[in-house]
PDB file of N, CA and C in Angstrom:
ATOM      1  N   MET A   1     -16.143 -12.022  11.852  1.00  0.00           N
ATOM      2  CA  MET A   1     -14.701 -11.823  11.872  1.00  0.00           C
ATOM      3  C   MET A   1     -14.422 -10.330  11.811  1.00  0.00           C
ATOM      4  N   ASN A   2     -13.561  -9.840  12.684  1.00  0.00           N
ATOM      5  CA  ASN A   2     -13.219  -8.429  12.744  1.00  0.00           C
ATOM      6  C   ASN A   2     -12.006  -8.160  11.863  1.00  0.00           C
ATOM      7  N   ASN A   3     -12.151  -7.283  10.865  1.00  0.00           N
ATOM      8  CA  ASN A   3     -11.056  -6.946   9.960  1.00  0.00           C
ATOM      9  C   ASN A   3     -10.345  -5.667  10.368  1.00  0.00           C
ATOM     10  N   GLU A   4     -10.669  -5.144  11.541  1.00  0.00           N
ATOM     11  CA  GLU A   4     -10.066  -3.912  12.023  1.00  0.00           C
ATOM     12  C   GLU A   4      -8.605  -4.182  12.388  1.00  0.00           C
ATOM     13  N   ARG A   5      -7.707  -3.460  11.758  1.00  0.00           N
ATOM     14  CA  ARG A   5      -6.279  -3.623  12.040  1.00  0.00           C
ATOM     15  C   ARG A   5      -5.702  -2.289  12.486  1.00  0.00           C
ATOM     16  N   PRO A   6      -4.622  -2.309  13.244  1.00  0.00           N
ATOM     17  CA  PRO A   6      -3.991  -1.046  13.620  1.00  0.00           C
ATOM     18  C   PRO A   6      -3.460  -0.343  12.372  1.00  0.00           C
ATOM     19  N   THR A   7      -3.482   0.961  12.408  1.00  0.00           N
ATOM     20  CA  THR A   7      -2.965   1.746  11.288  1.00  0.00           C
ATOM     21  C   THR A   7      -1.864   2.679  11.763  1.00  0.00           C
ATOM     22  N   LYS A   8      -1.125   3.155  10.802  1.00  0.00           N
ATOM     23  CA  LYS A   8      -0.049   4.110  11.055  1.00  0.00           C
ATOM     24  C   LYS A   8      -0.156   5.182   9.990  1.00  0.00           C
ATOM     25  N   ASP A   9       0.002   6.438  10.372  1.00  0.00           N
ATOM     26  CA  ASP A   9      -0.004   7.533   9.406  1.00  0.00           C
ATOM     27  C   ASP A   9       1.416   7.833   8.970  1.00  0.00           C
ATOM     28  N   ILE A  10       1.588   7.969   7.661  1.00  0.00           N
ATOM     29  CA  ILE A  10       2.861   8.414   7.091  1.00  0.00           C
ATOM     30  C   ILE A  10       2.578   9.683   6.305  1.00  0.00           C
ATOM     31  N   VAL A  11       3.576  10.517   6.140  1.00  0.00           N
ATOM     32  CA  VAL A  11       3.404  11.781   5.415  1.00  0.00           C
ATOM     33  C   VAL A  11       4.361  11.774   4.232  1.00  0.00           C
ATOM     34  N   THR A  12       3.801  12.012   3.048  1.00  0.00           N
ATOM     35  CA  THR A  12       4.634  11.993   1.845  1.00  0.00           C
ATOM     36  C   THR A  12       5.628  13.157   1.883  1.00  0.00           C
ATOM     37  N   PRO A  13       6.836  12.942   1.373  1.00  0.00           N
ATOM     38  CA  PRO A  13       7.892  13.947   1.518  1.00  0.00           C
ATOM     39  C   PRO A  13       7.678  15.232   0.710  1.00  0.00           C
ATOM     40  N   ILE A  14       7.024  15.163  -0.420  1.00  0.00           N
ATOM     41  CA  ILE A  14       6.886  16.344  -1.278  1.00  0.00           C
ATOM     42  C   ILE A  14       5.568  17.070  -1.031  1.00  0.00           C
ATOM     43  N   SER A  15       4.456  16.368  -1.206  1.00  0.00           N
ATOM     44  CA  SER A  15       3.147  17.024  -1.108  1.00  0.00           C
ATOM     45  C   SER A  15       2.606  17.074   0.320  1.00  0.00           C
ATOM     46  N   LYS A  16       3.296  16.383   1.227  1.00  0.00           N
ATOM     47  CA  LYS A  16       2.907  16.359   2.646  1.00  0.00           C
ATOM     48  C   LYS A  16       1.494  15.816   2.863  1.00  0.00           C
ATOM     49  N   GLN A  17       1.077  14.867   2.016  1.00  0.00           N
ATOM     50  CA  GLN A  17      -0.214  14.225   2.195  1.00  0.00           C
ATOM     51  C   GLN A  17      -0.097  13.158   3.279  1.00  0.00           C
ATOM     52  N   THR A  18      -1.132  13.050   4.094  1.00  0.00           N
ATOM     53  CA  THR A  18      -1.162  12.030   5.135  1.00  0.00           C
ATOM     54  C   THR A  18      -1.788  10.769   4.558  1.00  0.00           C
ATOM     55  N   VAL A  19      -1.044   9.680   4.642  1.00  0.00           N
ATOM     56  CA  VAL A  19      -1.493   8.394   4.120  1.00  0.00           C
ATOM     57  C   VAL A  19      -1.588   7.428   5.293  1.00  0.00           C
ATOM     58  N   SER A  20      -2.775   6.900   5.524  1.00  0.00           N
ATOM     59  CA  SER A  20      -2.987   5.921   6.597  1.00  0.00           C
ATOM     60  C   SER A  20      -2.828   4.528   6.018  1.00  0.00           C
ATOM     61  N   ILE A  21      -1.964   3.741   6.654  1.00  0.00           N
ATOM     62  CA  ILE A  21      -1.718   2.382   6.178  1.00  0.00           C
ATOM     63  C   ILE A  21      -1.879   1.400   7.345  1.00  0.00           C
ATOM     64  N   VAL A  22      -2.273   0.173   7.008  1.00  0.00           N
ATOM     65  CA  VAL A  22      -2.328  -0.865   8.033  1.00  0.00           C
ATOM     66  C   VAL A  22      -0.905  -1.264   8.388  1.00  0.00           C
ATOM     67  N   THR A  23      -0.735  -1.815   9.589  1.00  0.00           N
ATOM     68  CA  THR A  23       0.610  -2.158  10.041  1.00  0.00           C
ATOM     69  C   THR A  23       1.023  -3.588   9.704  1.00  0.00           C
ATOM     70  N   TYR A  24       0.064  -4.377   9.215  1.00  0.00           N
ATOM     71  CA  TYR A  24       0.399  -5.741   8.790  1.00  0.00           C
ATOM     72  C   TYR A  24      -0.650  -6.231   7.801  1.00  0.00           C
ATOM     73  N   VAL A  25      -0.277  -7.258   7.040  1.00  0.00           N
ATOM     74  CA  VAL A  25      -1.230  -7.921   6.153  1.00  0.00           C
ATOM     75  C   VAL A  25      -1.565  -9.283   6.758  1.00  0.00           C
ATOM     76  N   THR A  26      -2.709  -9.796   6.383  1.00  0.00           N
ATOM     77  CA  THR A  26      -3.147 -11.101   6.883  1.00  0.00           C
ATOM     78  C   THR A  26      -2.674 -12.210   5.935  1.00  0.00           C
ATOM     79  N   GLY A  27      -2.818 -13.414   6.390  1.00  0.00           N
ATOM     80  CA  GLY A  27      -2.520 -14.557   5.525  1.00  0.00           C
ATOM     81  C   GLY A  27      -3.389 -14.550   4.280  1.00  0.00           C
ATOM     82  N   ARG A  28      -4.635 -14.132   4.438  1.00  0.00           N
ATOM     83  CA  ARG A  28      -5.566 -14.046   3.303  1.00  0.00           C
ATOM     84  C   ARG A  28      -5.054 -13.022   2.278  1.00  0.00           C
ATOM     85  N   ASP A  29      -4.533 -11.886   2.776  1.00  0.00           N
ATOM     86  CA  ASP A  29      -3.978 -10.866   1.889  1.00  0.00           C
ATOM     87  C   ASP A  29      -2.784 -11.416   1.111  1.00  0.00           C
ATOM     88  N   LYS A  30      -1.891 -12.106   1.826  1.00  0.00           N
ATOM     89  CA  LYS A  30      -0.701 -12.665   1.179  1.00  0.00           C
ATOM     90  C   LYS A  30      -1.083 -13.694   0.112  1.00  0.00           C
ATOM     91  N   ARG A  31      -2.096 -14.490   0.402  1.00  0.00           N
ATOM     92  CA  ARG A  31      -2.554 -15.501  -0.550  1.00  0.00           C
ATOM     93  C   ARG A  31      -3.074 -14.828  -1.819  1.00  0.00           C
ATOM     94  N   ALA A  32      -3.873 -13.776  -1.661  1.00  0.00           N
ATOM     95  CA  ALA A  32      -4.421 -13.075  -2.823  1.00  0.00           C
ATOM     96  C   ALA A  32      -3.305 -12.487  -3.680  1.00  0.00           C
ATOM     97  N   LEU A  33      -2.284 -11.919  -3.043  1.00  0.00           N
ATOM     98  CA  LEU A  33      -1.153 -11.365  -3.798  1.00  0.00           C
ATOM     99  C   LEU A  33      -0.378 -12.470  -4.515  1.00  0.00           C
ATOM    100  N   ARG A  34      -0.136 -13.566  -3.825  1.00  0.00           N
ATOM    101  CA  ARG A  34       0.592 -14.690  -4.434  1.00  0.00           C
ATOM    102  C   ARG A  34      -0.171 -15.251  -5.629  1.00  0.00           C
ATOM    103  N   ASN A  35      -1.491 -15.341  -5.499  1.00  0.00           N
ATOM    104  CA  ASN A  35      -2.295 -15.892  -6.581  1.00  0.00           C
ATOM    105  C   ASN A  35      -2.189 -15.072  -7.862  1.00  0.00           C
ATOM    106  N   ILE A  36      -2.001 -13.775  -7.739  1.00  0.00           N
ATOM    107  CA  ILE A  36      -1.816 -12.947  -8.943  1.00  0.00           C
ATOM    108  C   ILE A  36      -0.560 -13.380  -9.683  1.00  0.00           C
ATOM    109  N   TYR A  37       0.506 -13.627  -8.947  1.00  0.00           N
ATOM    110  CA  TYR A  37       1.760 -14.029  -9.587  1.00  0.00           C
ATOM    111  C   TYR A  37       1.680 -15.413 -10.218  1.00  0.00           C
ATOM    112  N   LEU A  38       0.728 -16.214  -9.784  1.00  0.00           N
ATOM    113  CA  LEU A  38       0.580 -17.560 -10.344  1.00  0.00           C
ATOM    114  C   LEU A  38      -0.315 -17.591 -11.589  1.00  0.00           C
ATOM    115  N   MET A  39      -0.937 -16.459 -11.918  1.00  0.00           N
ATOM    116  CA  MET A  39      -1.803 -16.413 -13.104  1.00  0.00           C
ATOM    117  C   MET A  39      -0.937 -16.573 -14.353  1.00  0.00           C
ATOM    118  N   SER A  40      -1.334 -17.463 -15.221  1.00  0.00           N
ATOM    119  CA  SER A  40      -0.520 -17.716 -16.416  1.00  0.00           C
ATOM    120  C   SER A  40      -1.104 -17.108 -17.685  1.00  0.00           C
ATOM    121  N   ASP A  41      -2.296 -16.566 -17.600  1.00  0.00           N
ATOM    122  CA  ASP A  41      -2.957 -16.081 -18.811  1.00  0.00           C
ATOM    123  C   ASP A  41      -2.752 -14.584 -19.056  1.00  0.00           C
ATOM    124  N   ILE A  42      -1.858 -13.938 -18.295  1.00  0.00           N
ATOM    125  CA  ILE A  42      -1.576 -12.509 -18.518  1.00  0.00           C
ATOM    126  C   ILE A  42      -0.074 -12.288 -18.558  1.00  0.00           C
ATOM    127  N   SER A  43       0.333 -11.161 -19.087  1.00  0.00           N
ATOM    128  CA  SER A  43       1.759 -10.857 -19.228  1.00  0.00           C
ATOM    129  C   SER A  43       2.390 -10.562 -17.865  1.00  0.00           C
ATOM    130  N   ASP A  44       3.712 -10.653 -17.815  1.00  0.00           N
ATOM    131  CA  ASP A  44       4.431 -10.366 -16.573  1.00  0.00           C
ATOM    132  C   ASP A  44       4.170  -8.938 -16.099  1.00  0.00           C
ATOM    133  N   SER A  45       4.176  -7.978 -17.015  1.00  0.00           N
ATOM    134  CA  SER A  45       3.974  -6.584 -16.606  1.00  0.00           C
ATOM    135  C   SER A  45       2.562  -6.375 -16.058  1.00  0.00           C
ATOM    136  N   ASP A  46       1.565  -7.018 -16.660  1.00  0.00           N
ATOM    137  CA  ASP A  46       0.195  -6.920 -16.137  1.00  0.00           C
ATOM    138  C   ASP A  46       0.092  -7.561 -14.756  1.00  0.00           C
ATOM    139  N   ARG A  47       0.793  -8.662 -14.575  1.00  0.00           N
ATOM    140  CA  ARG A  47       0.793  -9.346 -13.274  1.00  0.00           C
ATOM    141  C   ARG A  47       1.391  -8.444 -12.194  1.00  0.00           C
ATOM    142  N   ILE A  48       2.502  -7.798 -12.531  1.00  0.00           N
ATOM    143  CA  ILE A  48       3.165  -6.897 -11.581  1.00  0.00           C
ATOM    144  C   ILE A  48       2.252  -5.723 -11.238  1.00  0.00           C
ATOM    145  N   ASN A  49       1.630  -5.127 -12.256  1.00  0.00           N
ATOM    146  CA  ASN A  49       0.723  -3.998 -12.019  1.00  0.00           C
ATOM    147  C   ASN A  49      -0.480  -4.411 -11.176  1.00  0.00           C
ATOM    148  N   MET A  50      -1.044  -5.581 -11.463  1.00  0.00           N
ATOM    149  CA  MET A  50      -2.189  -6.066 -10.689  1.00  0.00           C
ATOM    150  C   MET A  50      -1.807  -6.313  -9.232  1.00  0.00           C
ATOM    151  N   ALA A  51      -0.634  -6.898  -9.014  1.00  0.00           N
ATOM    152  CA  ALA A  51      -0.187  -7.172  -7.650  1.00  0.00           C
ATOM    153  C   ALA A  51       0.079  -5.872  -6.900  1.00  0.00           C
ATOM    154  N   GLN A  52       0.679  -4.909  -7.573  1.00  0.00           N
ATOM    155  CA  GLN A  52       0.941  -3.629  -6.918  1.00  0.00           C
ATOM    156  C   GLN A  52      -0.364  -2.907  -6.592  1.00  0.00           C
ATOM    157  N   ASP A  53      -1.299  -2.912  -7.530  1.00  0.00           N
ATOM    158  CA  ASP A  53      -2.609  -2.288  -7.273  1.00  0.00           C
ATOM    159  C   ASP A  53      -3.286  -2.934  -6.058  1.00  0.00           C
ATOM    160  N   LEU A  54      -3.268  -4.269  -6.001  1.00  0.00           N
ATOM    161  CA  LEU A  54      -3.892  -4.966  -4.885  1.00  0.00           C
ATOM    162  C   LEU A  54      -3.168  -4.648  -3.571  1.00  0.00           C
ATOM    163  N   SER A  55      -1.844  -4.569  -3.617  1.00  0.00           N
ATOM    164  CA  SER A  55      -1.075  -4.213  -2.426  1.00  0.00           C
ATOM    165  C   SER A  55      -1.488  -2.840  -1.911  1.00  0.00           C
ATOM    166  N   TRP A  56      -1.591  -1.887  -2.815  1.00  0.00           N
ATOM    167  CA  TRP A  56      -1.962  -0.523  -2.420  1.00  0.00           C
ATOM    168  C   TRP A  56      -3.367  -0.500  -1.830  1.00  0.00           C
ATOM    169  N   LYS A  57      -4.307  -1.185  -2.481  1.00  0.00           N
ATOM    170  CA  LYS A  57      -5.692  -1.204  -1.990  1.00  0.00           C
ATOM    171  C   LYS A  57      -5.798  -1.922  -0.652  1.00  0.00           C
ATOM    172  N   THR A  58      -4.935  -2.903  -0.427  1.00  0.00           N
ATOM    173  CA  THR A  58      -4.954  -3.678   0.813  1.00  0.00           C
ATOM    174  C   THR A  58      -4.325  -2.910   1.971  1.00  0.00           C
ATOM    175  N   VAL A  59      -3.221  -2.240   1.710  1.00  0.00           N
ATOM    176  CA  VAL A  59      -2.447  -1.605   2.777  1.00  0.00           C
ATOM    177  C   VAL A  59      -2.870  -0.152   3.032  1.00  0.00           C
ATOM    178  N   VAL A  60      -3.153   0.601   1.977  1.00  0.00           N
ATOM    179  CA  VAL A  60      -3.507   2.015   2.149  1.00  0.00           C
ATOM    180  C   VAL A  60      -4.985   2.120   2.527  1.00  0.00           C
ATOM    181  N   VAL A  61      -5.236   2.643   3.704  1.00  0.00           N
ATOM    182  CA  VAL A  61      -6.591   2.778   4.220  1.00  0.00           C
ATOM    183  C   VAL A  61      -7.213   4.096   3.767  1.00  0.00           C
ATOM    184  N   ALA A  62      -6.410   5.166   3.772  1.00  0.00           N
ATOM    185  CA  ALA A  62      -6.938   6.484   3.422  1.00  0.00           C
ATOM    186  C   ALA A  62      -5.801   7.408   2.998  1.00  0.00           C
ATOM    187  N   ILE A  63      -6.152   8.386   2.176  1.00  0.00           N
ATOM    188  CA  ILE A  63      -5.241   9.449   1.777  1.00  0.00           C
ATOM    189  C   ILE A  63      -5.903  10.756   2.182  1.00  0.00           C
ATOM    190  N   ASP A  64      -5.225  11.497   3.039  1.00  0.00           N
ATOM    191  CA  ASP A  64      -5.784  12.736   3.606  1.00  0.00           C
ATOM    192  C   ASP A  64      -7.181  12.514   4.170  1.00  0.00           C
ATOM    193  N   GLY A  65      -7.361  11.382   4.837  1.00  0.00           N
ATOM    194  CA  GLY A  65      -8.623  11.081   5.496  1.00  0.00           C
ATOM    195  C   GLY A  65      -9.707  10.511   4.599  1.00  0.00           C
ATOM    196  N   LYS A  66      -9.464  10.441   3.294  1.00  0.00           N
ATOM    197  CA  LYS A  66     -10.460   9.911   2.357  1.00  0.00           C
ATOM    198  C   LYS A  66     -10.149   8.443   2.069  1.00  0.00           C
ATOM    199  N   LYS A  67     -11.148   7.600   2.327  1.00  0.00           N
ATOM    200  CA  LYS A  67     -10.991   6.162   2.127  1.00  0.00           C
ATOM    201  C   LYS A  67     -11.303   5.776   0.686  1.00  0.00           C
ATOM    202  N   ASP A  68     -10.885   4.552   0.317  1.00  0.00           N
ATOM    203  CA  ASP A  68     -11.195   4.032  -1.013  1.00  0.00           C
ATOM    204  C   ASP A  68     -12.712   4.063  -1.197  1.00  0.00           C
ATOM    205  N   GLY A  69     -13.146   4.559  -2.301  1.00  0.00           N
ATOM    206  CA  GLY A  69     -14.571   4.785  -2.548  1.00  0.00           C
ATOM    207  C   GLY A  69     -14.840   6.283  -2.564  1.00  0.00           C
ATOM    208  N   GLU A  70     -14.251   6.990  -1.591  1.00  0.00           N
ATOM    209  CA  GLU A  70     -14.303   8.447  -1.605  1.00  0.00           C
ATOM    210  C   GLU A  70     -13.250   8.980  -2.569  1.00  0.00           C
ATOM    211  N   VAL A  71     -12.179   8.218  -2.687  1.00  0.00           N
ATOM    212  CA  VAL A  71     -11.082   8.537  -3.592  1.00  0.00           C
ATOM    213  C   VAL A  71     -10.574   7.207  -4.142  1.00  0.00           C
ATOM    214  N   ASP A  72     -10.111   7.197  -5.376  1.00  0.00           N
ATOM    215  CA  ASP A  72      -9.520   5.992  -5.956  1.00  0.00           C
ATOM    216  C   ASP A  72      -8.074   5.914  -5.466  1.00  0.00           C
ATOM    217  N   ILE A  73      -7.798   4.985  -4.570  1.00  0.00           N
ATOM    218  CA  ILE A  73      -6.478   4.870  -3.948  1.00  0.00           C
ATOM    219  C   ILE A  73      -5.380   4.707  -4.998  1.00  0.00           C
ATOM    220  N   VAL A  74      -5.562   3.785  -5.916  1.00  0.00           N
ATOM    221  CA  VAL A  74      -4.528   3.511  -6.924  1.00  0.00           C
ATOM    222  C   VAL A  74      -4.296   4.740  -7.793  1.00  0.00           C
ATOM    223  N   ASP A  75      -5.358   5.340  -8.312  1.00  0.00           N
ATOM    224  CA  ASP A  75      -5.221   6.518  -9.159  1.00  0.00           C
ATOM    225  C   ASP A  75      -4.580   7.677  -8.395  1.00  0.00           C
ATOM    226  N   SER A  76      -4.948   7.833  -7.139  1.00  0.00           N
ATOM    227  CA  SER A  76      -4.371   8.911  -6.332  1.00  0.00           C
ATOM    228  C   SER A  76      -2.868   8.729  -6.155  1.00  0.00           C
ATOM    229  N   ILE A  77      -2.435   7.498  -5.884  1.00  0.00           N
ATOM    230  CA  ILE A  77      -1.009   7.236  -5.711  1.00  0.00           C
ATOM    231  C   ILE A  77      -0.260   7.451  -7.018  1.00  0.00           C
ATOM    232  N   LEU A  78      -0.825   6.977  -8.120  1.00  0.00           N
ATOM    233  CA  LEU A  78      -0.167   7.134  -9.425  1.00  0.00           C
ATOM    234  C   LEU A  78      -0.118   8.590  -9.886  1.00  0.00           C
ATOM    235  N   SER A  79      -1.044   9.409  -9.390  1.00  0.00           N
ATOM    236  CA  SER A  79      -1.099  10.819  -9.781  1.00  0.00           C
ATOM    237  C   SER A  79      -0.197  11.710  -8.933  1.00  0.00           C
ATOM    238  N   MET A  80       0.399  11.148  -7.905  1.00  0.00           N
ATOM    239  CA  MET A  80       1.286  11.929  -7.036  1.00  0.00           C
ATOM    240  C   MET A  80       2.620  12.175  -7.702  1.00  0.00           C
ATOM    241  N   ASN A  81       3.365  13.114  -7.138  1.00  0.00           N
ATOM    242  CA  ASN A  81       4.753  13.332  -7.522  1.00  0.00           C
ATOM    243  C   ASN A  81       5.469  11.980  -7.432  1.00  0.00           C
ATOM    244  N   ALA A  82       6.364  11.698  -8.355  1.00  0.00           N
ATOM    245  CA  ALA A  82       7.040  10.400  -8.400  1.00  0.00           C
ATOM    246  C   ALA A  82       7.779  10.081  -7.101  1.00  0.00           C
ATOM    247  N   THR A  83       8.311  11.083  -6.439  1.00  0.00           N
ATOM    248  CA  THR A  83       8.996  10.867  -5.161  1.00  0.00           C
ATOM    249  C   THR A  83       8.010  10.404  -4.099  1.00  0.00           C
ATOM    250  N   ASP A  84       6.824  11.013  -4.064  1.00  0.00           N
ATOM    251  CA  ASP A  84       5.788  10.602  -3.118  1.00  0.00           C
ATOM    252  C   ASP A  84       5.316   9.190  -3.426  1.00  0.00           C
ATOM    253  N   THR A  85       5.125   8.883  -4.705  1.00  0.00           N
ATOM    254  CA  THR A  85       4.710   7.532  -5.091  1.00  0.00           C
ATOM    255  C   THR A  85       5.745   6.512  -4.638  1.00  0.00           C
ATOM    256  N   ALA A  86       7.019   6.791  -4.882  1.00  0.00           N
ATOM    257  CA  ALA A  86       8.088   5.872  -4.484  1.00  0.00           C
ATOM    258  C   ALA A  86       8.113   5.688  -2.969  1.00  0.00           C
ATOM    259  N   PHE A  87       7.856   6.752  -2.230  1.00  0.00           N
ATOM    260  CA  PHE A  87       7.808   6.685  -0.775  1.00  0.00           C
ATOM    261  C   PHE A  87       6.695   5.743  -0.322  1.00  0.00           C
ATOM    262  N   ILE A  88       5.512   5.887  -0.906  1.00  0.00           N
ATOM    263  CA  ILE A  88       4.379   5.020  -0.542  1.00  0.00           C
ATOM    264  C   ILE A  88       4.666   3.580  -0.936  1.00  0.00           C
ATOM    265  N   VAL A  89       5.219   3.371  -2.122  1.00  0.00           N
ATOM    266  CA  VAL A  89       5.559   2.013  -2.576  1.00  0.00           C
ATOM    267  C   VAL A  89       6.500   1.350  -1.570  1.00  0.00           C
ATOM    268  N   LYS A  90       7.501   2.086  -1.111  1.00  0.00           N
ATOM    269  CA  LYS A  90       8.462   1.535  -0.147  1.00  0.00           C
ATOM    270  C   LYS A  90       7.755   1.144   1.145  1.00  0.00           C
ATOM    271  N   GLU A  91       6.857   1.991   1.636  1.00  0.00           N
ATOM    272  CA  GLU A  91       6.158   1.691   2.883  1.00  0.00           C
ATOM    273  C   GLU A  91       5.187   0.519   2.710  1.00  0.00           C
ATOM    274  N   VAL A  92       4.497   0.468   1.583  1.00  0.00           N
ATOM    275  CA  VAL A  92       3.578  -0.652   1.325  1.00  0.00           C
ATOM    276  C   VAL A  92       4.376  -1.950   1.197  1.00  0.00           C
ATOM    277  N   ASP A  93       5.486  -1.906   0.479  1.00  0.00           N
ATOM    278  CA  ASP A  93       6.334  -3.095   0.339  1.00  0.00           C
ATOM    279  C   ASP A  93       6.838  -3.575   1.693  1.00  0.00           C
ATOM    280  N   ARG A  94       7.151  -2.638   2.587  1.00  0.00           N
ATOM    281  CA  ARG A  94       7.606  -3.002   3.933  1.00  0.00           C
ATOM    282  C   ARG A  94       6.508  -3.786   4.662  1.00  0.00           C
ATOM    283  N   VAL A  95       5.268  -3.337   4.532  1.00  0.00           N
ATOM    284  CA  VAL A  95       4.152  -4.015   5.196  1.00  0.00           C
ATOM    285  C   VAL A  95       3.914  -5.390   4.575  1.00  0.00           C
ATOM    286  N   THR A  96       3.879  -5.464   3.248  1.00  0.00           N
ATOM    287  CA  THR A  96       3.580  -6.749   2.604  1.00  0.00           C
ATOM    288  C   THR A  96       4.721  -7.747   2.757  1.00  0.00           C
ATOM    289  N   ALA A  97       5.935  -7.257   3.034  1.00  0.00           N
ATOM    290  CA  ALA A  97       7.077  -8.149   3.251  1.00  0.00           C
ATOM    291  C   ALA A  97       7.241  -8.497   4.730  1.00  0.00           C
ATOM    292  N   ASP A  98       6.299  -8.013   5.565  1.00  0.00           N
ATOM    293  CA  ASP A  98       6.334  -8.272   7.006  1.00  0.00           C
ATOM    294  C   ASP A  98       7.571  -7.689   7.676  1.00  0.00           C
ATOM    295  N   LEU A  99       8.045  -6.537   7.187  1.00  0.00           N
ATOM    296  CA  LEU A  99       9.186  -5.874   7.811  1.00  0.00           C
ATOM    297  C   LEU A  99       8.682  -4.876   8.848  1.00  0.00           C
ATOM    298  N   PRO A 100       9.407  -4.707   9.942  1.00  0.00           N
ATOM    299  CA  PRO A 100       8.982  -3.742  10.954  1.00  0.00           C
ATOM    300  C   PRO A 100       9.140  -2.309  10.457  1.00  0.00           C
ATOM    301  N   PHE A 101       8.335  -1.410  10.982  1.00  0.00           N
ATOM    302  CA  PHE A 101       8.466  -0.009  10.640  1.00  0.00           C
ATOM    303  C   PHE A 101       9.752   0.530  11.240  1.00  0.00           C
ATOM    304  N   GLU A 102      10.411   1.420  10.499  1.00  0.00           N
ATOM    305  CA  GLU A 102      11.593   2.072  11.032  1.00  0.00           C
ATOM    306  C   GLU A 102      11.130   3.254  11.877  1.00  0.00           C
ATOM    307  N   GLU A 103      11.545   3.276  13.091  1.00  0.00           N
ATOM    308  CA  GLU A 103      11.203   4.397  13.961  1.00  0.00           C
ATOM    309  C   GLU A 103      12.295   5.450  13.813  1.00  0.00           C
ATOM    310  N   LYS A 104      11.876   6.693  13.719  1.00  0.00           N
ATOM    311  CA  LYS A 104      12.856   7.771  13.639  1.00  0.00           C
ATOM    312  C   LYS A 104      13.492   7.948  15.010  1.00  0.00           C
ATOM    313  N   LYS A 105      14.813   8.022  14.999  1.00  0.00           N
ATOM    314  CA  LYS A 105      15.555   8.171  16.248  1.00  0.00           C
ATOM    315  C   LYS A 105      15.608   9.655  16.620  1.00  0.00           C
ATOM    316  N   THR A 106      15.399   9.912  17.886  1.00  0.00           N
ATOM    317  CA  THR A 106      15.507  11.280  18.378  1.00  0.00           C
ATOM    318  C   THR A 106      16.647  11.330  19.383  1.00  0.00           C
ATOM    319  N   ASN A 107      17.327  12.428  19.394  1.00  0.00           N
ATOM    320  CA  ASN A 107      18.462  12.571  20.322  1.00  0.00           C
ATOM    321  C   ASN A 107      18.017  13.245  21.580  1.00  0.00           C
TER     322      ASN A 107
END
């Protein structure tokens, strides 16, 4: 099975880091995220953090060309300026919610 998916580069607004993200999640990805929310043996806040961490690891392919393993994706995102983190969260949420990317309009 080929797990190669198309990616899109986004640039964080403050630090101007290039973040490569996949353009869609698979049914398997959605199932794994849903299963976290169904766990009953952990607190709501832990469930939310676990789901967000998994979303980031699933959608973010690389930060400035460094893939997970070369850099800790979750730690890198959490260590960014809060505006950059919020920007990445919004883009990851767009992918996991199956929303289309907004294309910048040019005149």
